[in-house]
Amino acid sequence: QLQLVASGGGLVQAGGSLRLSCAASGFTLEGFPVAWYRQAPGKEIEGVSCISSGGRSADYVDSVKGRFTISRDKAKNTVVYLQMNNLGPEDTAVYYCAADRRRTCGFGDWGLLGAPGTPGSSRSEYEYWGQGTQVTVSS
């Protein structure tokens, strides 16, 4: 079965760190830009970070810049990581990953972090979605 599996979430105190993994099952991530999203209770889903298919470029939402780092396992080409440092209660959410070869890493049109309503932003159309992993940060 072709799918993305998100893992690594958990409960951590404010100021702590977690590393999330987005693993491809049944295929490789070669050629796929990959993005992480999160959805806090009662809020809309938010694009957090993305990485280009080659791993040379990445983008982050302003609220996580300097704290989160996205990376690819180039050796295996089946895993993308999200290292999250200095976590705060505002980071509490279910985190999802997605991959789509028809999109780019970025906030613009057809970018994985594109704002809802912009061309290519319909996330229901993405090729692959992970099932989500819960991150809870206690104050």
C-alpha atoms as a PDB file:
ATOM      1  CA  GLN A   1       0.000   0.000   0.000  1.00  0.00           C
ATOM      2  CA  LEU A   2       1.357   3.379  -1.009  1.00  0.00           C
ATOM      3  CA  GLN A   3       1.157   5.786   1.883  1.00  0.00           C
ATOM      4  CA  LEU A   4       2.925   8.306   4.064  1.00  0.00           C
ATOM      5  CA  VAL A   5       3.363   7.518   7.720  1.00  0.00           C
ATOM      6  CA  ALA A   6       3.906  10.386  10.127  1.00  0.00           C
ATOM      7  CA  SER A   7       5.413   9.607  13.511  1.00  0.00           C
ATOM      8  CA  GLY A   8       7.459  11.051  16.347  1.00  0.00           C
ATOM      9  CA  GLY A   9       4.840  13.113  18.130  1.00  0.00           C
ATOM     10  CA  GLY A  10       4.372  13.068  21.855  1.00  0.00           C
ATOM     11  CA  LEU A  11       4.080  15.097  25.017  1.00  0.00           C
ATOM     12  CA  VAL A  12       6.899  17.500  25.792  1.00  0.00           C
ATOM     13  CA  GLN A  13       7.415  20.420  28.128  1.00  0.00           C
ATOM     14  CA  ALA A  14       7.756  23.934  26.826  1.00  0.00           C
ATOM     15  CA  GLY A  15      11.279  24.522  25.607  1.00  0.00           C
ATOM     16  CA  GLY A  16      11.711  20.894  24.652  1.00  0.00           C
ATOM     17  CA  SER A  17      12.313  19.255  21.305  1.00  0.00           C
ATOM     18  CA  LEU A  18      10.784  16.583  19.117  1.00  0.00           C
ATOM     19  CA  ARG A  19      11.700  15.143  15.759  1.00  0.00           C
ATOM     20  CA  LEU A  20       8.878  14.111  13.485  1.00  0.00           C
ATOM     21  CA  SER A  21       9.341  11.640  10.660  1.00  0.00           C
ATOM     22  CA  CYS A  22       7.366  11.327   7.470  1.00  0.00           C
ATOM     23  CA  ALA A  23       8.087   7.952   5.937  1.00  0.00           C
ATOM     24  CA  ALA A  24       6.996   6.771   2.530  1.00  0.00           C
ATOM     25  CA  SER A  25       5.720   3.220   2.401  1.00  0.00           C
ATOM     26  CA  GLY A  26       5.669   1.394  -0.909  1.00  0.00           C
ATOM     27  CA  PHE A  27       7.433   4.144  -2.844  1.00  0.00           C
ATOM     28  CA  THR A  28      10.326   6.565  -2.553  1.00  0.00           C
ATOM     29  CA  LEU A  29      10.170  10.310  -2.116  1.00  0.00           C
ATOM     30  CA  GLU A  30      12.487  10.938  -5.041  1.00  0.00           C
ATOM     31  CA  GLY A  31      11.044  13.788  -7.041  1.00  0.00           C
ATOM     32  CA  PHE A  32       8.528  14.718  -4.381  1.00  0.00           C
ATOM     33  CA  PRO A  33       8.493  18.026  -2.595  1.00  0.00           C
ATOM     34  CA  VAL A  34       7.231  17.318   0.921  1.00  0.00           C
ATOM     35  CA  ALA A  35       5.465  19.540   3.412  1.00  0.00           C
ATOM     36  CA  TRP A  36       4.405  19.447   7.038  1.00  0.00           C
ATOM     37  CA  TYR A  37       1.119  20.862   8.228  1.00  0.00           C
ATOM     38  CA  ARG A  38      -0.534  21.145  11.589  1.00  0.00           C
ATOM     39  CA  GLN A  39      -4.013  21.573  12.914  1.00  0.00           C
ATOM     40  CA  ALA A  40      -4.672  22.798  16.402  1.00  0.00           C
ATOM     41  CA  PRO A  41      -8.039  22.168  18.070  1.00  0.00           C
ATOM     42  CA  GLY A  42     -10.662  24.461  16.639  1.00  0.00           C
ATOM     43  CA  LYS A  43      -8.319  25.962  14.067  1.00  0.00           C
ATOM     44  CA  GLU A  44      -7.757  25.624  10.364  1.00  0.00           C
ATOM     45  CA  ILE A  45      -4.972  23.448   9.079  1.00  0.00           C
ATOM     46  CA  GLU A  46      -1.757  25.438   8.684  1.00  0.00           C
ATOM     47  CA  GLY A  47       1.230  24.874   6.453  1.00  0.00           C
ATOM     48  CA  VAL A  48       4.364  24.724   8.619  1.00  0.00           C
ATOM     49  CA  SER A  49       7.303  23.857   6.400  1.00  0.00           C
ATOM     50  CA  CYS A  50       8.243  22.297   3.090  1.00  0.00           C
ATOM     51  CA  ILE A  51      11.356  20.996   1.402  1.00  0.00           C
ATOM     52  CA  SER A  52      12.087  20.787  -2.288  1.00  0.00           C
ATOM     53  CA  SER A  53      12.410  17.488  -4.082  1.00  0.00           C
ATOM     54  CA  GLY A  54      16.180  17.816  -4.175  1.00  0.00           C
ATOM     55  CA  GLY A  55      16.435  19.041  -0.615  1.00  0.00           C
ATOM     56  CA  ARG A  56      18.219  22.246  -1.583  1.00  0.00           C
ATOM     57  CA  SER A  57      15.512  24.650  -0.531  1.00  0.00           C
ATOM     58  CA  ALA A  58      13.011  24.848   2.266  1.00  0.00           C
ATOM     59  CA  ASP A  59      10.379  27.231   3.513  1.00  0.00           C
ATOM     60  CA  TYR A  60       8.840  27.855   6.899  1.00  0.00           C
ATOM     61  CA  VAL A  61       5.878  29.715   8.270  1.00  0.00           C
ATOM     62  CA  ASP A  62       7.067  32.729  10.248  1.00  0.00           C
ATOM     63  CA  SER A  63       5.982  31.332  13.603  1.00  0.00           C
ATOM     64  CA  VAL A  64       8.453  28.429  13.411  1.00  0.00           C
ATOM     65  CA  LYS A  65      11.415  30.057  11.693  1.00  0.00           C
ATOM     66  CA  GLY A  66      14.564  29.578  13.693  1.00  0.00           C
ATOM     67  CA  ARG A  67      13.015  26.762  15.741  1.00  0.00           C
ATOM     68  CA  PHE A  68      12.021  24.100  13.209  1.00  0.00           C
ATOM     69  CA  THR A  69      14.254  22.472  10.600  1.00  0.00           C
ATOM     70  CA  ILE A  70      13.034  20.241   7.793  1.00  0.00           C
ATOM     71  CA  SER A  71      15.390  17.778   6.134  1.00  0.00           C
ATOM     72  CA  ARG A  72      15.434  14.778   3.847  1.00  0.00           C
ATOM     73  CA  ASP A  73      17.156  11.458   4.335  1.00  0.00           C
ATOM     74  CA  LYS A  74      18.969  11.498   1.019  1.00  0.00           C
ATOM     75  CA  ALA A  75      20.503   8.095   1.516  1.00  0.00           C
ATOM     76  CA  LYS A  76      17.180   6.331   1.816  1.00  0.00           C
ATOM     77  CA  ASN A  77      15.049   8.937   0.043  1.00  0.00           C
ATOM     78  CA  THR A  78      12.025   7.637   1.893  1.00  0.00           C
ATOM     79  CA  VAL A  79      11.957   9.872   4.955  1.00  0.00           C
ATOM     80  CA  VAL A  80      11.565  13.574   5.617  1.00  0.00           C
ATOM     81  CA  TYR A  81      12.152  14.904   9.106  1.00  0.00           C
ATOM     82  CA  LEU A  82      10.915  17.921  11.002  1.00  0.00           C
ATOM     83  CA  GLN A  83      13.183  18.819  13.894  1.00  0.00           C
ATOM     84  CA  MET A  84      11.269  21.002  16.310  1.00  0.00           C
ATOM     85  CA  ASN A  85      13.171  22.876  19.010  1.00  0.00           C
ATOM     86  CA  ASN A  86      12.135  25.331  21.690  1.00  0.00           C
ATOM     87  CA  LEU A  87       8.569  24.134  21.512  1.00  0.00           C
ATOM     88  CA  GLY A  88       5.804  26.172  23.057  1.00  0.00           C
ATOM     89  CA  PRO A  89       2.159  25.479  23.902  1.00  0.00           C
ATOM     90  CA  GLU A  90       1.214  27.242  20.657  1.00  0.00           C
ATOM     91  CA  ASP A  91       2.839  24.368  18.760  1.00  0.00           C
ATOM     92  CA  THR A  92       0.335  21.874  20.154  1.00  0.00           C
ATOM     93  CA  ALA A  93      -1.456  20.325  17.198  1.00  0.00           C
ATOM     94  CA  VAL A  94      -1.823  17.240  15.055  1.00  0.00           C
ATOM     95  CA  TYR A  95       0.995  17.305  12.533  1.00  0.00           C
ATOM     96  CA  TYR A  96       0.549  15.901   9.047  1.00  0.00           C
ATOM     97  CA  CYS A  97       2.879  15.457   6.111  1.00  0.00           C
ATOM     98  CA  ALA A  98       2.034  15.504   2.438  1.00  0.00           C
ATOM     99  CA  ALA A  99       3.850  14.967  -0.832  1.00  0.00           C
ATOM    100  CA  ASP A 100       2.966  15.911  -4.375  1.00  0.00           C
ATOM    101  CA  ARG A 101       5.147  15.820  -7.467  1.00  0.00           C
ATOM    102  CA  ARG A 102       2.949  18.360  -9.246  1.00  0.00           C
ATOM    103  CA  ARG A 103       3.681  21.097  -6.752  1.00  0.00           C
ATOM    104  CA  THR A 104       6.688  22.985  -5.493  1.00  0.00           C
ATOM    105  CA  CYS A 105       7.970  23.889  -2.088  1.00  0.00           C
ATOM    106  CA  GLY A 106       6.800  27.386  -1.329  1.00  0.00           C
ATOM    107  CA  PHE A 107       3.980  29.768  -0.544  1.00  0.00           C
ATOM    108  CA  GLY A 108       3.183  30.785  -4.099  1.00  0.00           C
ATOM    109  CA  ASP A 109       0.835  29.361  -6.697  1.00  0.00           C
ATOM    110  CA  TRP A 110       1.069  25.578  -6.762  1.00  0.00           C
ATOM    111  CA  GLY A 111       3.289  25.674  -3.720  1.00  0.00           C
ATOM    112  CA  LEU A 112       2.684  23.166  -0.956  1.00  0.00           C
ATOM    113  CA  LEU A 113       2.323  26.032   1.516  1.00  0.00           C
ATOM    114  CA  GLY A 114       0.098  28.088  -0.714  1.00  0.00           C
ATOM    115  CA  ALA A 115      -2.717  29.923   1.017  1.00  0.00           C
ATOM    116  CA  PRO A 116      -6.180  28.426   0.682  1.00  0.00           C
ATOM    117  CA  GLY A 117      -7.843  29.676  -2.439  1.00  0.00           C
ATOM    118  CA  THR A 118      -4.660  30.168  -4.440  1.00  0.00           C
ATOM    119  CA  PRO A 119      -3.982  28.007  -7.513  1.00  0.00           C
ATOM    120  CA  GLY A 120      -2.959  24.520  -6.552  1.00  0.00           C
ATOM    121  CA  SER A 121      -3.816  24.939  -2.893  1.00  0.00           C
ATOM    122  CA  SER A 122      -6.587  22.364  -2.706  1.00  0.00           C
ATOM    123  CA  ARG A 123      -4.988  19.994  -0.275  1.00  0.00           C
ATOM    124  CA  SER A 124      -7.535  17.280  -0.901  1.00  0.00           C
ATOM    125  CA  GLU A 125      -5.890  16.894  -4.297  1.00  0.00           C
ATOM    126  CA  TYR A 126      -2.408  16.182  -2.987  1.00  0.00           C
ATOM    127  CA  GLU A 127      -0.999  12.834  -4.031  1.00  0.00           C
ATOM    128  CA  TYR A 128      -0.166  11.569  -0.577  1.00  0.00           C
ATOM    129  CA  TRP A 129      -1.096  12.515   2.999  1.00  0.00           C
ATOM    130  CA  GLY A 130       0.178  11.034   6.219  1.00  0.00           C
ATOM    131  CA  GLN A 131      -2.248  10.116   8.963  1.00  0.00           C
ATOM    132  CA  GLY A 132      -1.090  12.687  11.505  1.00  0.00           C
ATOM    133  CA  THR A 133       0.875  12.574  14.725  1.00  0.00           C
ATOM    134  CA  GLN A 134      -0.113  14.431  17.891  1.00  0.00           C
ATOM    135  CA  VAL A 135       2.265  16.954  19.412  1.00  0.00           C
ATOM    136  CA  THR A 136       1.354  18.293  22.831  1.00  0.00           C
ATOM    137  CA  VAL A 137       3.450  20.915  24.547  1.00  0.00           C
ATOM    138  CA  SER A 138       2.783  21.589  28.210  1.00  0.00           C
ATOM    139  CA  SER A 139       3.551  24.938  29.776  1.00  0.00           C
END
